[in-house]
Amino acid sequence: MPQVVTNQAGPVGHRSLRLRSPARTVVIVGLGDMGGTAARERSGSPARIGIRHRARPHRYADEILELRYLRRALRQADFIFVAAPLTPASRHLLGEDMLASTKAGRA
């Protein structure tokens, strides 16, 4: 992750992002440029669940859910990747109550 932060300051951006995890199901909150890259890097993974404000399809997500179904998605998550901008609406998006919804031992 430090490499990602370093790259953001230069022309490379976050293109070096690699999600290396033995996790089977990854929930990606936010499928903009960074979340889309994360989904693409996980191509070939058994499941990539994308969370968006509106359930528009995404090329690299196996399933898209609206934000209101985040808790349902977290119950399936082995790994959570948050790529949503920090706004007043997203500040407490993954609070203690949401993390309690994850698979046992995953959060």
Foldseek 3Di string as FASTA:
>chain_A
DVVQVVCCVDPNHRLVDADDDPWQEEEEEDCDPVSVSHLVNCPVRNAYEYEDCDQDDDPRHPYYDYLVCLLVSQQVTLYYHYPDDDDPVCVCSCPPVSNVSHHPPRD
